[in-house]
PDB file of N, CA and C in Angstrom:
ATOM      1  N   MET A   1       3.681-104.680  28.009  1.00  0.00           N
ATOM      2  CA  MET A   1       4.648-105.278  27.179  1.00  0.00           C
ATOM      3  C   MET A   1       4.146-105.484  25.775  1.00  0.00           C
ATOM      4  N   THR A   2       2.687-105.782  25.794  1.00  0.00           N
ATOM      5  CA  THR A   2       2.278-105.888  24.278  1.00  0.00           C
ATOM      6  C   THR A   2       2.262-104.697  23.702  1.00  0.00           C
ATOM      7  N   LYS A   3       2.129-103.543  24.317  1.00  0.00           N
ATOM      8  CA  LYS A   3       2.323-102.349  23.344  1.00  0.00           C
ATOM      9  C   LYS A   3       3.665-101.742  23.090  1.00  0.00           C
ATOM     10  N   ILE A   4       4.597-102.022  24.034  1.00  0.00           N
ATOM     11  CA  ILE A   4       5.842-101.352  23.576  1.00  0.00           C
ATOM     12  C   ILE A   4       6.660-102.286  22.758  1.00  0.00           C
ATOM     13  N   LEU A   5       6.408-103.561  22.718  1.00  0.00           N
ATOM     14  CA  LEU A   5       7.075-104.497  21.864  1.00  0.00           C
ATOM     15  C   LEU A   5       7.020-103.951  20.541  1.00  0.00           C
ATOM     16  N   PRO A   6       5.884-103.841  19.823  1.00  0.00           N
ATOM     17  CA  PRO A   6       5.820-103.327  18.437  1.00  0.00           C
ATOM     18  C   PRO A   6       6.634-101.988  18.147  1.00  0.00           C
ATOM     19  N   VAL A   7       6.535-101.124  19.141  1.00  0.00           N
ATOM     20  CA  VAL A   7       7.185 -99.912  18.873  1.00  0.00           C
ATOM     21  C   VAL A   7       8.741-100.072  18.989  1.00  0.00           C
ATOM     22  N   LEU A   8       9.178-100.936  19.846  1.00  0.00           N
ATOM     23  CA  LEU A   8      10.592-101.176  19.839  1.00  0.00           C
ATOM     24  C   LEU A   8      11.098-101.709  18.470  1.00  0.00           C
ATOM     25  N   LEU A   9      10.261-102.708  18.151  1.00  0.00           N
ATOM     26  CA  LEU A   9      10.679-103.445  16.745  1.00  0.00           C
ATOM     27  C   LEU A   9      10.628-102.508  15.594  1.00  0.00           C
ATOM     28  N   LEU A  10       9.599-101.680  15.519  1.00  0.00           N
ATOM     29  CA  LEU A  10       9.599-100.733  14.458  1.00  0.00           C
ATOM     30  C   LEU A  10      10.793 -99.775  14.556  1.00  0.00           C
ATOM     31  N   ILE A  11      11.151 -99.287  15.583  1.00  0.00           N
ATOM     32  CA  ILE A  11      12.401 -98.508  15.902  1.00  0.00           C
ATOM     33  C   ILE A  11      13.702 -99.101  15.393  1.00  0.00           C
ATOM     34  N   LEU A  12      13.672-100.346  15.630  1.00  0.00           N
ATOM     35  CA  LEU A  12      14.857-101.181  15.327  1.00  0.00           C
ATOM     36  C   LEU A  12      14.921-101.600  13.813  1.00  0.00           C
ATOM     37  N   MET A  13      13.749-101.703  13.149  1.00  0.00           N
ATOM     38  CA  MET A  13      13.633-101.912  11.747  1.00  0.00           C
ATOM     39  C   MET A  13      13.895-100.594  11.266  1.00  0.00           C
ATOM     40  N   ALA A  14      13.611 -99.652  11.646  1.00  0.00           N
ATOM     41  CA  ALA A  14      13.985 -98.240  11.068  1.00  0.00           C
ATOM     42  C   ALA A  14      15.331 -97.939  11.159  1.00  0.00           C
ATOM     43  N   LEU A  15      16.001 -98.183  12.415  1.00  0.00           N
ATOM     44  CA  LEU A  15      17.495 -97.845  12.361  1.00  0.00           C
ATOM     45  C   LEU A  15      18.312 -98.845  11.620  1.00  0.00           C
ATOM     46  N   HIS A  16      17.798-100.017  11.235  1.00  0.00           N
ATOM     47  CA  HIS A  16      18.482-101.101  10.422  1.00  0.00           C
ATOM     48  C   HIS A  16      18.360-100.494   9.086  1.00  0.00           C
ATOM     49  N   LEU A  17      17.355 -99.846   8.589  1.00  0.00           N
ATOM     50  CA  LEU A  17      17.210 -99.343   7.175  1.00  0.00           C
ATOM     51  C   LEU A  17      18.325 -98.132   7.202  1.00  0.00           C
ATOM     52  N   VAL A  18      18.519 -97.324   8.150  1.00  0.00           N
ATOM     53  CA  VAL A  18      19.320 -96.265   8.007  1.00  0.00           C
ATOM     54  C   VAL A  18      20.853 -96.845   7.892  1.00  0.00           C
ATOM     55  N   LYS A  19      21.172 -97.570   8.962  1.00  0.00           N
ATOM     56  CA  LYS A  19      22.709 -98.146   9.186  1.00  0.00           C
ATOM     57  C   LYS A  19      22.383 -99.663   9.474  1.00  0.00           C
ATOM     58  N   PRO A  20      22.831-100.506   8.647  1.00  0.00           N
ATOM     59  CA  PRO A  20      22.544-101.929   9.042  1.00  0.00           C
ATOM     60  C   PRO A  20      23.260-102.316  10.337  1.00  0.00           C
ATOM     61  N   LEU A  21      22.742-103.223  11.146  1.00  0.00           N
ATOM     62  CA  LEU A  21      23.171-103.565  12.563  1.00  0.00           C
ATOM     63  C   LEU A  21      24.470-104.319  12.424  1.00  0.00           C
ATOM     64  N   GLY A  22      24.720-104.963  11.407  1.00  0.00           N
ATOM     65  CA  GLY A  22      25.973-105.865  11.486  1.00  0.00           C
ATOM     66  C   GLY A  22      25.909-107.248  12.172  1.00  0.00           C
ATOM     67  N   LEU A  23      24.665-107.517  12.580  1.00  0.00           N
ATOM     68  CA  LEU A  23      24.525-108.828  13.301  1.00  0.00           C
ATOM     69  C   LEU A  23      24.508-110.061  12.159  1.00  0.00           C
ATOM     70  N   PRO A  24      24.873-111.147  12.650  1.00  0.00           N
ATOM     71  CA  PRO A  24      24.920-112.234  11.781  1.00  0.00           C
ATOM     72  C   PRO A  24      23.376-112.435  11.120  1.00  0.00           C
ATOM     73  N   GLY A  25      23.303-112.391   9.768  1.00  0.00           N
ATOM     74  CA  GLY A  25      21.973-112.432   9.154  1.00  0.00           C
ATOM     75  C   GLY A  25      21.309-111.032   8.837  1.00  0.00           C
ATOM     76  N   LEU A  26      22.079-110.044   9.379  1.00  0.00           N
ATOM     77  CA  LEU A  26      21.550-108.643   9.299  1.00  0.00           C
ATOM     78  C   LEU A  26      22.600-107.694   8.724  1.00  0.00           C
ATOM     79  N   ARG A  27      23.170-108.096   7.867  1.00  0.00           N
ATOM     80  CA  ARG A  27      24.367-107.217   7.388  1.00  0.00           C
ATOM     81  C   ARG A  27      23.902-106.225   6.267  1.00  0.00           C
ATOM     82  N   ARG A  28      22.868-106.529   5.563  1.00  0.00           N
ATOM     83  CA  ARG A  28      22.365-105.780   4.392  1.00  0.00           C
ATOM     84  C   ARG A  28      21.160-104.969   4.765  1.00  0.00           C
ATOM     85  N   ARG A  29      20.891-103.833   4.218  1.00  0.00           N
ATOM     86  CA  ARG A  29      19.817-103.151   4.484  1.00  0.00           C
ATOM     87  C   ARG A  29      18.440-103.695   3.962  1.00  0.00           C
ATOM     88  N   SER A  30      18.673-104.608   3.079  1.00  0.00           N
ATOM     89  CA  SER A  30      17.430-105.369   2.607  1.00  0.00           C
ATOM     90  C   SER A  30      16.965-106.630   3.495  1.00  0.00           C
ATOM     91  N   ASP A  31      17.711-106.721   4.520  1.00  0.00           N
ATOM     92  CA  ASP A  31      17.381-107.735   5.533  1.00  0.00           C
ATOM     93  C   ASP A  31      16.589-107.395   6.544  1.00  0.00           C
ATOM     94  N   PHE A  32      15.977-106.156   6.632  1.00  0.00           N
ATOM     95  CA  PHE A  32      15.054-105.629   7.680  1.00  0.00           C
ATOM     96  C   PHE A  32      13.935-106.576   7.785  1.00  0.00           C
ATOM     97  N   TRP A  33      13.472-107.261   6.708  1.00  0.00           N
ATOM     98  CA  TRP A  33      12.128-108.095   6.738  1.00  0.00           C
ATOM     99  C   TRP A  33      12.381-109.219   7.855  1.00  0.00           C
ATOM    100  N   LYS A  34      13.727-109.478   8.151  1.00  0.00           N
ATOM    101  CA  LYS A  34      13.970-110.813   9.062  1.00  0.00           C
ATOM    102  C   LYS A  34      13.659-110.145  10.422  1.00  0.00           C
ATOM    103  N   ILE A  35      13.921-108.793  10.691  1.00  0.00           N
ATOM    104  CA  ILE A  35      13.354-108.371  12.037  1.00  0.00           C
ATOM    105  C   ILE A  35      11.910-108.405  12.126  1.00  0.00           C
ATOM    106  N   ALA A  36      11.089-108.241  11.015  1.00  0.00           N
ATOM    107  CA  ALA A  36       9.652-108.304  11.010  1.00  0.00           C
ATOM    108  C   ALA A  36       9.165-109.689  11.260  1.00  0.00           C
ATOM    109  N   VAL A  37       9.816-110.706  10.717  1.00  0.00           N
ATOM    110  CA  VAL A  37       9.532-112.150  11.023  1.00  0.00           C
ATOM    111  C   VAL A  37       9.654-112.506  12.451  1.00  0.00           C
ATOM    112  N   VAL A  38      10.782-112.002  13.041  1.00  0.00           N
ATOM    113  CA  VAL A  38      11.120-112.267  14.481  1.00  0.00           C
ATOM    114  C   VAL A  38       9.970-111.460  15.272  1.00  0.00           C
ATOM    115  N   ALA A  39       9.480-110.182  14.889  1.00  0.00           N
ATOM    116  CA  ALA A  39       8.774-109.407  15.710  1.00  0.00           C
ATOM    117  C   ALA A  39       7.324-110.264  15.673  1.00  0.00           C
ATOM    118  N   ILE A  40       6.915-110.620  14.461  1.00  0.00           N
ATOM    119  CA  ILE A  40       5.693-111.503  14.507  1.00  0.00           C
ATOM    120  C   ILE A  40       5.699-112.577  15.396  1.00  0.00           C
ATOM    121  N   GLY A  41       6.845-113.315  15.452  1.00  0.00           N
ATOM    122  CA  GLY A  41       6.764-114.587  16.369  1.00  0.00           C
ATOM    123  C   GLY A  41       7.041-114.103  17.769  1.00  0.00           C
ATOM    124  N   LEU A  42       7.621-113.016  18.034  1.00  0.00           N
ATOM    125  CA  LEU A  42       7.609-112.584  19.554  1.00  0.00           C
ATOM    126  C   LEU A  42       6.140-112.059  20.017  1.00  0.00           C
ATOM    127  N   MET A  43       5.558-111.312  19.029  1.00  0.00           N
ATOM    128  CA  MET A  43       4.147-110.838  19.606  1.00  0.00           C
ATOM    129  C   MET A  43       3.216-112.076  19.710  1.00  0.00           C
ATOM    130  N   PHE A  44       3.429-112.984  18.739  1.00  0.00           N
ATOM    131  CA  PHE A  44       2.529-114.215  18.937  1.00  0.00           C
ATOM    132  C   PHE A  44       2.788-114.939  20.257  1.00  0.00           C
ATOM    133  N   LEU A  45       4.034-115.239  20.749  1.00  0.00           N
ATOM    134  CA  LEU A  45       4.334-115.656  21.957  1.00  0.00           C
ATOM    135  C   LEU A  45       4.086-114.856  23.124  1.00  0.00           C
ATOM    136  N   VAL A  46       4.005-113.386  23.164  1.00  0.00           N
ATOM    137  CA  VAL A  46       3.580-112.728  24.188  1.00  0.00           C
ATOM    138  C   VAL A  46       1.958-112.748  24.313  1.00  0.00           C
ATOM    139  N   VAL A  47       1.138-112.786  23.111  1.00  0.00           N
ATOM    140  CA  VAL A  47      -0.031-112.972  23.128  1.00  0.00           C
ATOM    141  C   VAL A  47      -0.556-114.285  23.862  1.00  0.00           C
ATOM    142  N   ALA A  48       0.043-115.396  23.313  1.00  0.00           N
ATOM    143  CA  ALA A  48      -0.260-116.640  23.820  1.00  0.00           C
ATOM    144  C   ALA A  48       0.020-116.714  25.391  1.00  0.00           C
ATOM    145  N   LEU A  49       1.258-116.073  25.824  1.00  0.00           N
ATOM    146  CA  LEU A  49       1.401-116.319  27.342  1.00  0.00           C
ATOM    147  C   LEU A  49       0.376-115.404  28.027  1.00  0.00           C
ATOM    148  N   HIS A  50      -0.029-114.251  27.464  1.00  0.00           N
ATOM    149  CA  HIS A  50      -1.100-113.459  28.171  1.00  0.00           C
ATOM    150  C   HIS A  50      -2.462-114.141  28.097  1.00  0.00           C
ATOM    151  N   ALA A  51      -2.716-114.940  27.247  1.00  0.00           N
ATOM    152  CA  ALA A  51      -3.969-115.689  27.063  1.00  0.00           C
ATOM    153  C   ALA A  51      -4.153-116.968  28.098  1.00  0.00           C
ATOM    154  N   GLY A  52      -2.841-117.311  28.552  1.00  0.00           N
ATOM    155  CA  GLY A  52      -2.851-118.381  29.713  1.00  0.00           C
ATOM    156  C   GLY A  52      -3.095-117.943  30.964  1.00  0.00           C
ATOM    157  N   THR A  53      -2.855-116.570  31.145  1.00  0.00           N
ATOM    158  CA  THR A  53      -2.943-115.975  32.523  1.00  0.00           C
ATOM    159  C   THR A  53      -4.316-115.404  32.829  1.00  0.00           C
ATOM    160  N   VAL A  54      -4.685-115.624  34.073  1.00  0.00           N
ATOM    161  CA  VAL A  54      -5.951-115.031  34.558  1.00  0.00           C
ATOM    162  C   VAL A  54      -5.774-113.897  35.534  1.00  0.00           C
ATOM    163  N   PHE A  55      -6.475-112.827  35.349  1.00  0.00           N
ATOM    164  CA  PHE A  55      -6.210-111.651  36.162  1.00  0.00           C
ATOM    165  C   PHE A  55      -7.294-111.606  37.227  1.00  0.00           C
TER     166      PHE A  55
END
């Protein structure tokens, strides 16, 4: 999950630059940075959850 999440988010950002997604808050091409902010938050959450588990 930690390796696929950044790849999926980069693809989403690239798609948004080509054609805006039209979601609330993501109507313009220049809003792709908001996806990056969410990506950083999600990756932080995933890493924090993995740090709490013992294999």
